[in-house]
């Protein structure tokens, strides 16, 4: 079940969220009926790691059961500052160059003006939200297991920093190793689905993407 933010995917006609609080409040309303009635897990990649942390925090404070397991990748823990706080302010051509450096975006995207015009505002909005995010101590310890999927060439995460995610959960903590860059998840979709499915005892054929 994709948790799509306003302005993304099937919600592209909606106005972008202004900040992380708005994102979490919106997704909270989507997740709480599931959290109340079903066992569940959450997977967050990159900016999704911060969203997941803040969302689970909000769910637990509100009295909802936490996910059985959290799967995260592509982001150091929330109490580590983001690499930059001004990329979203760059001119379009320079901003696109920075996105290209991270990898994972086909070259064809940068060569098609219609795609750039459609998706650049979405990407810029995401960067603005994550670059304006401020961690509020103390750490909220999530009552769940946490599995971090670490890719060896991801320039946005580092060892041993990723192991500090262990401070954020009261349950089992594991690191699963992968090869590739920041968007390694595109090359390991089936493997990641198997990991998630096993945590809920769901066979791959029934895993929903």
N, C-alpha and C. Protein backbone atom coordinates (compact mmCIF):
# COMPACT_ATOMS: atom_id res chain seq x y z
N UNK A 1 0.86 -1.18 0.00
CA UNK A 1 0.00 0.00 0.00
C UNK A 1 0.90 1.24 0.00
N UNK A 2 0.98 1.95 -1.13
CA UNK A 2 1.83 3.14 -1.17
C UNK A 2 1.22 4.28 -0.36
N UNK A 3 2.03 4.90 0.48
CA UNK A 3 1.59 6.07 1.23
C UNK A 3 2.03 7.30 0.44
N UNK A 4 1.16 7.77 -0.43
CA UNK A 4 1.50 8.87 -1.32
C UNK A 4 1.21 10.21 -0.65
N UNK A 5 2.18 11.10 -0.73
CA UNK A 5 2.01 12.45 -0.21
C UNK A 5 1.18 13.28 -1.19
N UNK A 6 0.59 14.33 -0.69
CA UNK A 6 -0.15 15.24 -1.56
C UNK A 6 0.77 15.78 -2.65
N UNK A 7 0.26 15.83 -3.89
CA UNK A 7 1.05 16.30 -5.01
C UNK A 7 1.84 15.22 -5.70
N UNK A 8 1.73 13.97 -5.21
CA UNK A 8 2.48 12.85 -5.77
C UNK A 8 1.52 11.78 -6.31
N UNK A 9 1.99 11.07 -7.34
CA UNK A 9 1.25 9.91 -7.84
C UNK A 9 -0.20 10.20 -8.14
N UNK A 10 -1.08 9.39 -7.54
CA UNK A 10 -2.51 9.57 -7.77
C UNK A 10 -3.06 10.83 -7.12
N UNK A 11 -2.21 11.52 -6.35
CA UNK A 11 -2.64 12.74 -5.67
C UNK A 11 -1.96 13.98 -6.27
N UNK A 12 -1.56 13.89 -7.51
CA UNK A 12 -0.80 14.98 -8.14
C UNK A 12 -1.62 16.27 -8.25
N UNK A 13 -2.93 16.16 -8.24
CA UNK A 13 -3.76 17.36 -8.36
C UNK A 13 -3.85 18.14 -7.05
N UNK A 14 -3.36 17.54 -5.95
CA UNK A 14 -3.46 18.19 -4.64
C UNK A 14 -2.26 19.10 -4.39
N UNK A 15 -2.44 20.06 -3.53
CA UNK A 15 -1.38 21.00 -3.20
C UNK A 15 -0.33 20.32 -2.33
N UNK A 16 0.95 20.65 -2.57
CA UNK A 16 2.04 20.07 -1.80
C UNK A 16 1.91 20.39 -0.31
N UNK A 17 2.42 19.48 0.51
CA UNK A 17 2.54 19.77 1.94
C UNK A 17 3.58 20.87 2.14
N UNK A 18 3.39 21.64 3.19
CA UNK A 18 4.31 22.72 3.49
C UNK A 18 5.49 22.26 4.34
N UNK A 19 5.29 21.25 5.17
CA UNK A 19 6.34 20.84 6.10
C UNK A 19 6.11 19.39 6.53
N UNK A 20 7.05 18.88 7.32
CA UNK A 20 6.99 17.49 7.76
C UNK A 20 5.77 17.22 8.64
N UNK A 21 5.39 18.17 9.46
CA UNK A 21 4.21 17.99 10.31
C UNK A 21 2.96 17.73 9.49
N UNK A 22 2.80 18.46 8.38
CA UNK A 22 1.64 18.25 7.52
C UNK A 22 1.69 16.88 6.85
N UNK A 23 2.87 16.47 6.42
CA UNK A 23 3.03 15.15 5.81
C UNK A 23 2.59 14.06 6.78
N UNK A 24 3.11 14.12 8.00
CA UNK A 24 2.84 13.09 9.00
C UNK A 24 1.37 13.08 9.40
N UNK A 25 0.78 14.24 9.57
CA UNK A 25 -0.64 14.30 9.94
C UNK A 25 -1.51 13.68 8.85
N UNK A 26 -1.16 13.92 7.60
CA UNK A 26 -1.90 13.38 6.47
C UNK A 26 -1.79 11.85 6.43
N UNK A 27 -0.56 11.35 6.50
CA UNK A 27 -0.35 9.91 6.42
C UNK A 27 -0.88 9.18 7.66
N UNK A 28 -0.87 9.85 8.78
CA UNK A 28 -1.43 9.29 10.02
C UNK A 28 -2.89 8.88 9.80
N UNK A 29 -3.64 9.73 9.13
CA UNK A 29 -5.05 9.44 8.89
C UNK A 29 -5.23 8.25 7.95
N UNK A 30 -4.26 8.00 7.09
CA UNK A 30 -4.31 6.84 6.19
C UNK A 30 -3.98 5.55 6.93
N UNK A 31 -3.03 5.63 7.85
CA UNK A 31 -2.49 4.43 8.47
C UNK A 31 -3.28 3.97 9.68
N UNK A 32 -3.87 4.88 10.41
CA UNK A 32 -4.46 4.48 11.70
C UNK A 32 -5.57 3.44 11.59
N UNK A 33 -6.42 3.41 10.52
CA UNK A 33 -7.39 2.31 10.45
C UNK A 33 -6.73 0.94 10.30
N UNK A 34 -5.60 0.92 9.57
CA UNK A 34 -4.86 -0.33 9.42
C UNK A 34 -4.18 -0.70 10.73
N UNK A 35 -3.55 0.27 11.36
CA UNK A 35 -2.83 0.01 12.61
C UNK A 35 -3.78 -0.50 13.70
N UNK A 36 -4.99 -0.05 13.66
CA UNK A 36 -5.96 -0.43 14.68
C UNK A 36 -6.45 -1.86 14.51
N UNK A 37 -6.48 -2.35 13.26
CA UNK A 37 -7.15 -3.61 12.99
C UNK A 37 -6.29 -4.72 12.40
N UNK A 38 -5.05 -4.42 12.01
CA UNK A 38 -4.24 -5.42 11.31
C UNK A 38 -2.78 -5.34 11.73
N UNK A 39 -2.08 -6.48 11.73
CA UNK A 39 -0.62 -6.41 11.85
C UNK A 39 -0.07 -5.76 10.59
N UNK A 40 0.98 -4.96 10.73
CA UNK A 40 1.49 -4.24 9.58
C UNK A 40 2.97 -3.92 9.76
N UNK A 41 3.62 -3.58 8.66
CA UNK A 41 4.99 -3.08 8.69
C UNK A 41 5.02 -1.81 7.85
N UNK A 42 6.07 -1.03 8.00
CA UNK A 42 6.26 0.17 7.19
C UNK A 42 7.67 0.15 6.61
N UNK A 43 7.77 0.50 5.34
CA UNK A 43 9.07 0.64 4.70
C UNK A 43 9.25 2.07 4.23
N UNK A 44 10.34 2.69 4.65
CA UNK A 44 10.63 4.06 4.23
C UNK A 44 12.02 4.15 3.65
N UNK A 45 12.12 4.80 2.50
CA UNK A 45 13.42 4.98 1.87
C UNK A 45 13.75 6.46 1.80
N UNK A 46 15.00 6.81 2.13
CA UNK A 46 15.53 8.16 2.05
C UNK A 46 14.68 9.11 2.91
N UNK A 47 14.04 10.10 2.32
CA UNK A 47 13.15 10.98 3.08
C UNK A 47 12.09 10.18 3.83
N UNK A 48 11.72 9.02 3.27
CA UNK A 48 10.74 8.15 3.91
C UNK A 48 11.17 7.64 5.26
N UNK A 49 12.48 7.60 5.52
CA UNK A 49 12.96 7.18 6.85
C UNK A 49 12.49 8.16 7.93
N UNK A 50 12.63 9.45 7.63
CA UNK A 50 12.21 10.47 8.59
C UNK A 50 10.69 10.47 8.73
N UNK A 51 9.99 10.33 7.62
CA UNK A 51 8.54 10.26 7.68
C UNK A 51 8.10 9.07 8.53
N UNK A 52 8.74 7.93 8.32
CA UNK A 52 8.40 6.73 9.08
C UNK A 52 8.60 6.94 10.57
N UNK A 53 9.75 7.49 10.94
CA UNK A 53 10.02 7.75 12.36
C UNK A 53 8.97 8.65 12.97
N UNK A 54 8.69 9.77 12.32
CA UNK A 54 7.72 10.72 12.88
C UNK A 54 6.30 10.15 12.86
N UNK A 55 5.98 9.34 11.86
CA UNK A 55 4.65 8.73 11.77
C UNK A 55 4.44 7.70 12.87
N UNK A 56 5.42 6.84 13.08
CA UNK A 56 5.30 5.82 14.14
C UNK A 56 5.25 6.49 15.51
N UNK A 57 6.04 7.52 15.68
CA UNK A 57 6.00 8.30 16.92
C UNK A 57 4.59 8.82 17.18
N UNK A 58 3.97 9.40 16.16
CA UNK A 58 2.62 9.95 16.30
C UNK A 58 1.60 8.85 16.58
N UNK A 59 1.74 7.72 15.90
CA UNK A 59 0.83 6.60 16.11
C UNK A 59 0.90 6.10 17.55
N UNK A 60 2.13 5.92 18.06
CA UNK A 60 2.28 5.39 19.42
C UNK A 60 1.78 6.38 20.46
N UNK A 61 2.06 7.65 20.28
CA UNK A 61 1.58 8.65 21.23
C UNK A 61 0.06 8.68 21.26
N UNK A 62 -0.55 8.42 20.08
CA UNK A 62 -2.01 8.42 20.00
C UNK A 62 -2.62 7.10 20.47
N UNK A 63 -1.79 6.14 20.85
CA UNK A 63 -2.29 4.89 21.41
C UNK A 63 -2.51 3.77 20.41
N UNK A 64 -2.03 3.92 19.19
CA UNK A 64 -2.19 2.87 18.19
C UNK A 64 -1.02 1.89 18.26
N UNK A 65 -1.26 0.62 17.92
CA UNK A 65 -0.16 -0.36 17.91
C UNK A 65 0.90 0.04 16.91
N UNK A 66 2.16 -0.12 17.26
CA UNK A 66 3.24 0.19 16.30
C UNK A 66 3.34 -0.92 15.26
N UNK A 67 4.04 -0.67 14.16
CA UNK A 67 4.27 -1.75 13.19
C UNK A 67 5.09 -2.86 13.81
N UNK A 68 4.91 -4.07 13.30
CA UNK A 68 5.71 -5.18 13.80
C UNK A 68 7.19 -4.98 13.49
N UNK A 69 7.45 -4.47 12.31
CA UNK A 69 8.82 -4.22 11.86
C UNK A 69 8.83 -2.95 11.03
N UNK A 70 9.91 -2.21 11.15
CA UNK A 70 10.15 -1.06 10.28
C UNK A 70 11.36 -1.39 9.40
N UNK A 71 11.21 -1.16 8.11
CA UNK A 71 12.30 -1.33 7.16
C UNK A 71 12.70 0.06 6.67
N UNK A 72 13.98 0.36 6.74
CA UNK A 72 14.47 1.68 6.35
C UNK A 72 15.68 1.54 5.43
N UNK A 73 15.90 2.57 4.61
CA UNK A 73 17.10 2.59 3.77
C UNK A 73 17.33 4.01 3.26
N UNK A 74 18.59 4.31 2.98
CA UNK A 74 18.92 5.55 2.30
C UNK A 74 18.97 6.81 3.14
N UNK A 75 19.04 6.67 4.47
CA UNK A 75 19.06 7.89 5.30
C UNK A 75 19.69 7.58 6.65
N UNK A 76 20.58 8.47 7.10
CA UNK A 76 21.11 8.37 8.46
C UNK A 76 20.00 8.74 9.45
N UNK A 77 20.17 8.43 10.74
CA UNK A 77 19.12 8.70 11.74
C UNK A 77 18.73 10.17 11.81
N UNK A 78 17.53 10.46 12.31
CA UNK A 78 17.00 11.82 12.34
C UNK A 78 17.85 12.84 13.08
N UNK A 79 18.61 12.40 14.08
CA UNK A 79 19.42 13.37 14.83
C UNK A 79 20.73 13.71 14.13
N UNK A 80 20.91 13.23 12.91
CA UNK A 80 22.05 13.61 12.09
C UNK A 80 21.57 14.59 11.03
N UNK A 81 22.21 15.72 10.94
CA UNK A 81 21.78 16.78 10.02
C UNK A 81 21.82 16.29 8.58
N UNK A 82 20.86 16.76 7.80
CA UNK A 82 20.84 16.45 6.38
C UNK A 82 22.06 17.10 5.71
N UNK A 83 22.49 16.53 4.59
CA UNK A 83 23.72 16.98 3.93
C UNK A 83 23.68 18.45 3.55
N UNK A 84 22.50 18.96 3.22
CA UNK A 84 22.37 20.36 2.81
C UNK A 84 21.01 20.87 3.25
N UNK A 85 20.88 22.18 3.34
CA UNK A 85 19.57 22.75 3.63
C UNK A 85 19.15 23.77 2.59
N UNK A 86 19.84 23.74 1.44
CA UNK A 86 19.56 24.78 0.44
C UNK A 86 19.47 24.26 -0.99
N UNK A 87 19.50 22.95 -1.19
CA UNK A 87 19.42 22.44 -2.55
C UNK A 87 18.11 22.84 -3.23
N UNK A 88 17.04 22.89 -2.44
CA UNK A 88 15.74 23.21 -3.03
C UNK A 88 15.67 24.65 -3.55
N UNK A 89 16.66 25.47 -3.19
CA UNK A 89 16.69 26.87 -3.62
C UNK A 89 17.52 27.08 -4.88
N UNK A 90 18.21 26.04 -5.35
CA UNK A 90 19.09 26.18 -6.51
C UNK A 90 18.30 26.43 -7.78
N UNK A 91 18.95 27.06 -8.74
CA UNK A 91 18.37 27.23 -10.06
C UNK A 91 18.12 25.85 -10.67
N UNK A 92 17.15 25.77 -11.57
CA UNK A 92 16.73 24.48 -12.11
C UNK A 92 17.88 23.66 -12.67
N UNK A 93 18.75 24.26 -13.48
CA UNK A 93 19.81 23.50 -14.12
C UNK A 93 20.81 22.95 -13.10
N UNK A 94 21.11 23.73 -12.08
CA UNK A 94 22.05 23.25 -11.05
C UNK A 94 21.38 22.21 -10.17
N UNK A 95 20.11 22.43 -9.86
CA UNK A 95 19.36 21.46 -9.05
C UNK A 95 19.30 20.11 -9.76
N UNK A 96 19.07 20.12 -11.05
CA UNK A 96 19.03 18.87 -11.82
C UNK A 96 20.38 18.18 -11.82
N UNK A 97 21.45 18.96 -11.86
CA UNK A 97 22.79 18.36 -11.81
C UNK A 97 23.00 17.62 -10.49
N UNK A 98 22.53 18.21 -9.39
CA UNK A 98 22.67 17.58 -8.08
C UNK A 98 21.86 16.29 -8.01
N UNK A 99 20.67 16.30 -8.57
CA UNK A 99 19.84 15.10 -8.59
C UNK A 99 20.52 14.00 -9.40
N UNK A 100 21.12 14.40 -10.50
CA UNK A 100 21.79 13.43 -11.38
C UNK A 100 22.96 12.76 -10.66
N UNK A 101 23.65 13.50 -9.82
CA UNK A 101 24.80 12.94 -9.09
C UNK A 101 24.40 11.79 -8.18
N UNK A 102 23.20 11.85 -7.62
CA UNK A 102 22.75 10.81 -6.70
C UNK A 102 22.51 9.50 -7.43
N UNK A 103 22.17 9.58 -8.71
CA UNK A 103 21.91 8.38 -9.50
C UNK A 103 20.47 7.91 -9.35
N UNK A 104 20.15 6.87 -10.11
CA UNK A 104 18.83 6.27 -10.01
C UNK A 104 17.79 6.87 -10.93
N UNK A 105 18.12 8.01 -11.56
CA UNK A 105 17.19 8.64 -12.49
C UNK A 105 17.71 8.44 -13.91
N UNK A 106 16.91 7.83 -14.79
CA UNK A 106 17.38 7.57 -16.17
C UNK A 106 17.80 8.84 -16.88
N UNK A 107 18.80 8.73 -17.74
CA UNK A 107 19.27 9.89 -18.49
C UNK A 107 18.15 10.49 -19.32
N UNK A 108 17.23 9.64 -19.77
CA UNK A 108 16.14 10.13 -20.63
C UNK A 108 15.30 11.19 -19.91
N UNK A 109 15.21 11.06 -18.59
CA UNK A 109 14.42 12.04 -17.83
C UNK A 109 14.95 13.44 -18.02
N UNK A 110 16.27 13.60 -17.93
CA UNK A 110 16.89 14.92 -18.01
C UNK A 110 16.83 15.50 -19.43
N UNK A 111 16.59 14.61 -20.41
CA UNK A 111 16.57 15.05 -21.80
C UNK A 111 15.17 15.37 -22.30
N UNK A 112 14.14 15.07 -21.49
CA UNK A 112 12.76 15.31 -21.91
C UNK A 112 12.17 16.47 -21.09
N UNK A 113 12.03 17.59 -21.73
CA UNK A 113 11.56 18.80 -21.04
C UNK A 113 10.18 18.59 -20.39
N UNK A 114 9.32 17.82 -21.05
CA UNK A 114 7.98 17.61 -20.50
C UNK A 114 8.03 16.87 -19.17
N UNK A 115 8.94 15.89 -19.06
CA UNK A 115 9.09 15.16 -17.80
C UNK A 115 9.69 16.06 -16.72
N UNK A 116 10.71 16.81 -17.11
CA UNK A 116 11.34 17.72 -16.15
C UNK A 116 10.33 18.74 -15.64
N UNK A 117 9.55 19.31 -16.55
CA UNK A 117 8.55 20.30 -16.15
C UNK A 117 7.51 19.71 -15.21
N UNK A 118 7.16 18.44 -15.42
CA UNK A 118 6.13 17.79 -14.60
C UNK A 118 6.64 17.40 -13.22
N UNK A 119 7.87 16.89 -13.16
CA UNK A 119 8.34 16.29 -11.92
C UNK A 119 9.29 17.16 -11.10
N UNK A 120 9.90 18.15 -11.72
CA UNK A 120 10.84 18.99 -10.97
C UNK A 120 10.17 19.69 -9.78
N UNK A 121 8.96 20.23 -9.93
CA UNK A 121 8.32 20.84 -8.76
C UNK A 121 8.08 19.85 -7.62
N UNK A 122 7.79 18.60 -7.96
CA UNK A 122 7.57 17.58 -6.93
C UNK A 122 8.87 17.31 -6.19
N UNK A 123 9.94 17.11 -6.95
CA UNK A 123 11.24 16.82 -6.34
C UNK A 123 11.71 17.99 -5.49
N UNK A 124 11.52 19.20 -6.00
CA UNK A 124 11.94 20.39 -5.27
C UNK A 124 11.15 20.52 -3.95
N UNK A 125 9.86 20.21 -3.99
CA UNK A 125 9.04 20.26 -2.79
C UNK A 125 9.52 19.26 -1.74
N UNK A 126 9.87 18.05 -2.20
CA UNK A 126 10.38 17.03 -1.27
C UNK A 126 11.67 17.50 -0.60
N UNK A 127 12.56 18.07 -1.40
CA UNK A 127 13.82 18.56 -0.84
C UNK A 127 13.58 19.69 0.15
N UNK A 128 12.64 20.56 -0.16
CA UNK A 128 12.33 21.66 0.76
C UNK A 128 11.85 21.13 2.10
N UNK A 129 10.98 20.12 2.07
CA UNK A 129 10.45 19.56 3.31
C UNK A 129 11.55 18.89 4.14
N UNK A 130 12.38 18.07 3.48
CA UNK A 130 13.40 17.34 4.25
C UNK A 130 14.51 18.28 4.71
N UNK A 131 14.81 19.33 3.92
CA UNK A 131 15.86 20.26 4.32
C UNK A 131 15.41 21.21 5.42
N UNK A 132 14.11 21.39 5.57
CA UNK A 132 13.59 22.22 6.65
C UNK A 132 13.26 21.42 7.90
N UNK A 133 13.35 20.10 7.80
CA UNK A 133 13.02 19.26 8.96
C UNK A 133 14.04 19.47 10.07
N UNK A 134 13.54 19.60 11.29
CA UNK A 134 14.40 19.76 12.46
C UNK A 134 14.04 18.67 13.47
N UNK A 135 15.02 17.85 13.81
CA UNK A 135 14.80 16.79 14.79
C UNK A 135 14.56 17.39 16.17
N UNK A 136 13.55 16.86 16.87
CA UNK A 136 13.21 17.34 18.22
C UNK A 136 13.59 16.27 19.24
N UNK A 137 14.66 16.48 20.00
CA UNK A 137 15.04 15.51 21.02
C UNK A 137 14.05 15.52 22.17
N UNK A 138 14.01 14.45 22.96
CA UNK A 138 14.86 13.27 22.88
C UNK A 138 14.39 12.29 21.80
N UNK A 139 15.19 11.26 21.57
CA UNK A 139 14.81 10.22 20.63
C UNK A 139 13.56 9.51 21.13
N UNK A 140 12.59 9.34 20.26
CA UNK A 140 11.43 8.52 20.59
C UNK A 140 11.78 7.07 20.22
N UNK A 141 11.84 6.21 21.21
CA UNK A 141 12.18 4.81 20.97
C UNK A 141 10.93 4.08 20.50
N UNK A 142 10.94 3.63 19.27
CA UNK A 142 9.79 2.94 18.68
C UNK A 142 9.74 1.51 19.17
N UNK A 143 8.57 1.07 19.57
CA UNK A 143 8.38 -0.26 20.13
C UNK A 143 8.21 -1.27 19.01
N UNK A 144 9.29 -1.53 18.29
CA UNK A 144 9.23 -2.38 17.10
C UNK A 144 10.61 -2.89 16.74
N UNK A 145 10.66 -3.89 15.86
CA UNK A 145 11.92 -4.30 15.26
C UNK A 145 12.26 -3.32 14.14
N UNK A 146 13.56 -3.20 13.85
CA UNK A 146 13.99 -2.29 12.80
C UNK A 146 15.06 -2.97 11.95
N UNK A 147 14.82 -3.01 10.65
CA UNK A 147 15.77 -3.58 9.70
C UNK A 147 16.23 -2.47 8.76
N UNK A 148 17.54 -2.23 8.74
CA UNK A 148 18.07 -1.20 7.84
C UNK A 148 18.71 -1.88 6.64
N UNK A 149 18.29 -1.46 5.44
CA UNK A 149 18.83 -1.99 4.20
C UNK A 149 19.92 -1.05 3.72
N UNK A 150 21.15 -1.52 3.77
CA UNK A 150 22.30 -0.64 3.49
C UNK A 150 22.96 -1.00 2.18
N UNK A 151 23.07 -0.02 1.30
CA UNK A 151 23.75 -0.20 0.02
C UNK A 151 25.15 0.39 0.09
N UNK A 152 26.12 -0.38 -0.38
CA UNK A 152 27.53 -0.04 -0.15
C UNK A 152 28.01 1.21 -0.89
N UNK A 153 27.27 1.67 -1.91
CA UNK A 153 27.71 2.85 -2.65
C UNK A 153 26.74 4.02 -2.51
N UNK A 154 25.91 3.98 -1.50
CA UNK A 154 24.97 5.07 -1.26
C UNK A 154 25.71 6.23 -0.61
N UNK A 155 25.80 7.35 -1.32
CA UNK A 155 26.58 8.49 -0.83
C UNK A 155 25.86 9.25 0.28
N UNK A 156 24.60 8.95 0.53
CA UNK A 156 23.83 9.68 1.53
C UNK A 156 23.79 8.99 2.89
N UNK A 157 24.38 7.81 2.99
CA UNK A 157 24.46 7.13 4.30
C UNK A 157 25.89 6.68 4.54
N UNK A 158 26.18 6.34 5.76
CA UNK A 158 27.55 5.94 6.08
C UNK A 158 27.57 4.94 7.24
N UNK A 159 28.59 4.12 7.21
CA UNK A 159 28.86 3.26 8.37
C UNK A 159 29.98 3.92 9.18
N UNK A 160 29.93 3.86 10.51
CA UNK A 160 28.95 3.11 11.32
C UNK A 160 27.68 3.88 11.67
N UNK A 161 27.47 5.05 11.06
CA UNK A 161 26.34 5.90 11.44
C UNK A 161 25.00 5.17 11.33
N UNK A 162 24.83 4.35 10.30
CA UNK A 162 23.55 3.68 10.13
C UNK A 162 23.20 2.78 11.32
N UNK A 163 24.22 2.29 12.03
CA UNK A 163 23.96 1.42 13.19
C UNK A 163 23.36 2.21 14.36
N UNK A 164 23.43 3.53 14.29
CA UNK A 164 22.81 4.33 15.34
C UNK A 164 21.28 4.29 15.28
N UNK A 165 20.74 3.77 14.17
CA UNK A 165 19.29 3.55 14.12
C UNK A 165 18.83 2.60 15.24
N UNK A 166 19.76 1.81 15.75
CA UNK A 166 19.40 0.87 16.82
C UNK A 166 18.87 1.61 18.05
N UNK A 167 19.31 2.83 18.26
CA UNK A 167 18.84 3.62 19.39
C UNK A 167 17.37 3.99 19.27
N UNK A 168 16.82 3.82 18.09
CA UNK A 168 15.45 4.27 17.81
C UNK A 168 14.41 3.16 17.95
N UNK A 169 14.82 1.96 18.30
CA UNK A 169 13.85 0.87 18.43
C UNK A 169 14.15 0.06 19.70
N UNK A 170 13.10 -0.51 20.25
CA UNK A 170 13.25 -1.34 21.45
C UNK A 170 13.38 -2.82 21.11
N UNK A 171 13.10 -3.17 19.85
CA UNK A 171 13.14 -4.57 19.44
C UNK A 171 14.44 -4.94 18.75
N UNK A 172 14.35 -5.96 17.94
CA UNK A 172 15.51 -6.46 17.21
C UNK A 172 15.97 -5.44 16.18
N UNK A 173 17.30 -5.31 16.03
CA UNK A 173 17.87 -4.43 15.02
C UNK A 173 18.79 -5.23 14.12
N UNK A 174 18.60 -5.10 12.82
CA UNK A 174 19.44 -5.81 11.86
C UNK A 174 19.82 -4.88 10.71
N UNK A 175 20.94 -5.19 10.08
CA UNK A 175 21.36 -4.49 8.87
C UNK A 175 21.47 -5.53 7.76
N UNK A 176 20.76 -5.30 6.66
CA UNK A 176 20.84 -6.16 5.49
C UNK A 176 21.71 -5.44 4.44
N UNK A 177 22.68 -6.15 3.90
CA UNK A 177 23.65 -5.55 2.99
C UNK A 177 23.24 -5.73 1.52
N UNK A 178 23.43 -4.66 0.76
CA UNK A 178 23.16 -4.69 -0.68
C UNK A 178 24.29 -3.98 -1.41
N UNK A 179 24.32 -4.16 -2.71
CA UNK A 179 25.29 -3.45 -3.55
C UNK A 179 24.54 -2.45 -4.42
N UNK A 180 25.17 -1.30 -4.65
CA UNK A 180 24.55 -0.29 -5.50
C UNK A 180 24.54 1.06 -4.85
N UNK A 181 23.92 2.01 -5.53
CA UNK A 181 23.87 3.38 -5.04
C UNK A 181 22.62 3.68 -4.23
N UNK A 182 22.25 4.95 -4.19
CA UNK A 182 21.14 5.39 -3.35
C UNK A 182 19.83 4.74 -3.76
N UNK A 183 19.66 4.48 -5.04
CA UNK A 183 18.41 3.88 -5.52
C UNK A 183 18.58 2.39 -5.84
N UNK A 184 19.38 1.70 -5.02
CA UNK A 184 19.57 0.26 -5.18
C UNK A 184 18.25 -0.49 -5.12
N UNK A 185 17.25 0.10 -4.47
CA UNK A 185 15.96 -0.58 -4.29
C UNK A 185 15.33 -0.92 -5.65
N UNK A 186 15.66 -0.18 -6.69
CA UNK A 186 15.10 -0.48 -8.01
C UNK A 186 15.64 -1.79 -8.57
N UNK A 187 16.81 -2.20 -8.11
CA UNK A 187 17.43 -3.43 -8.60
C UNK A 187 17.15 -4.64 -7.71
N UNK A 188 16.58 -4.41 -6.54
CA UNK A 188 16.36 -5.50 -5.57
C UNK A 188 14.90 -5.55 -5.10
N UNK A 189 13.98 -5.19 -5.99
CA UNK A 189 12.58 -5.14 -5.60
C UNK A 189 12.09 -6.48 -5.05
N UNK A 190 12.38 -7.56 -5.74
CA UNK A 190 11.89 -8.87 -5.31
C UNK A 190 12.49 -9.27 -3.97
N UNK A 191 13.79 -9.04 -3.80
CA UNK A 191 14.46 -9.39 -2.54
C UNK A 191 13.87 -8.60 -1.37
N UNK A 192 13.64 -7.31 -1.57
CA UNK A 192 13.07 -6.48 -0.51
C UNK A 192 11.65 -6.92 -0.18
N UNK A 193 10.88 -7.26 -1.21
CA UNK A 193 9.52 -7.76 -0.96
C UNK A 193 9.54 -9.06 -0.17
N UNK A 194 10.50 -9.91 -0.45
CA UNK A 194 10.62 -11.17 0.31
C UNK A 194 10.93 -10.89 1.77
N UNK A 195 11.84 -9.94 2.03
CA UNK A 195 12.16 -9.58 3.41
C UNK A 195 10.92 -9.08 4.15
N UNK A 196 10.19 -8.19 3.50
CA UNK A 196 9.00 -7.64 4.13
C UNK A 196 7.94 -8.71 4.32
N UNK A 197 7.74 -9.53 3.31
CA UNK A 197 6.75 -10.59 3.40
C UNK A 197 7.03 -11.58 4.51
N UNK A 198 8.31 -11.93 4.69
CA UNK A 198 8.66 -12.88 5.76
C UNK A 198 8.34 -12.32 7.13
N UNK A 199 8.46 -11.02 7.29
CA UNK A 199 8.19 -10.42 8.60
C UNK A 199 6.72 -10.52 8.98
N UNK A 200 5.87 -10.68 7.98
CA UNK A 200 4.43 -10.84 8.23
C UNK A 200 3.94 -12.23 7.84
N UNK A 201 4.90 -13.12 7.54
CA UNK A 201 4.56 -14.49 7.11
C UNK A 201 3.68 -14.47 5.87
N UNK A 202 3.97 -13.56 4.93
CA UNK A 202 3.21 -13.45 3.70
C UNK A 202 4.10 -13.93 2.55
N UNK A 203 3.64 -14.89 1.72
CA UNK A 203 4.43 -15.32 0.57
C UNK A 203 4.58 -14.19 -0.43
N UNK A 204 5.65 -14.24 -1.22
CA UNK A 204 5.95 -13.16 -2.16
C UNK A 204 4.78 -12.92 -3.11
N UNK A 205 4.08 -14.00 -3.52
CA UNK A 205 3.00 -13.86 -4.50
C UNK A 205 1.86 -13.00 -3.97
N UNK A 206 1.79 -12.81 -2.65
CA UNK A 206 0.71 -12.02 -2.07
C UNK A 206 1.19 -10.66 -1.56
N UNK A 207 2.45 -10.37 -1.76
CA UNK A 207 2.96 -9.08 -1.33
C UNK A 207 2.45 -7.98 -2.26
N UNK A 208 1.93 -6.92 -1.69
CA UNK A 208 1.35 -5.84 -2.47
C UNK A 208 2.35 -4.72 -2.63
N UNK A 209 2.53 -4.23 -3.86
CA UNK A 209 3.44 -3.12 -4.13
C UNK A 209 2.62 -1.89 -4.47
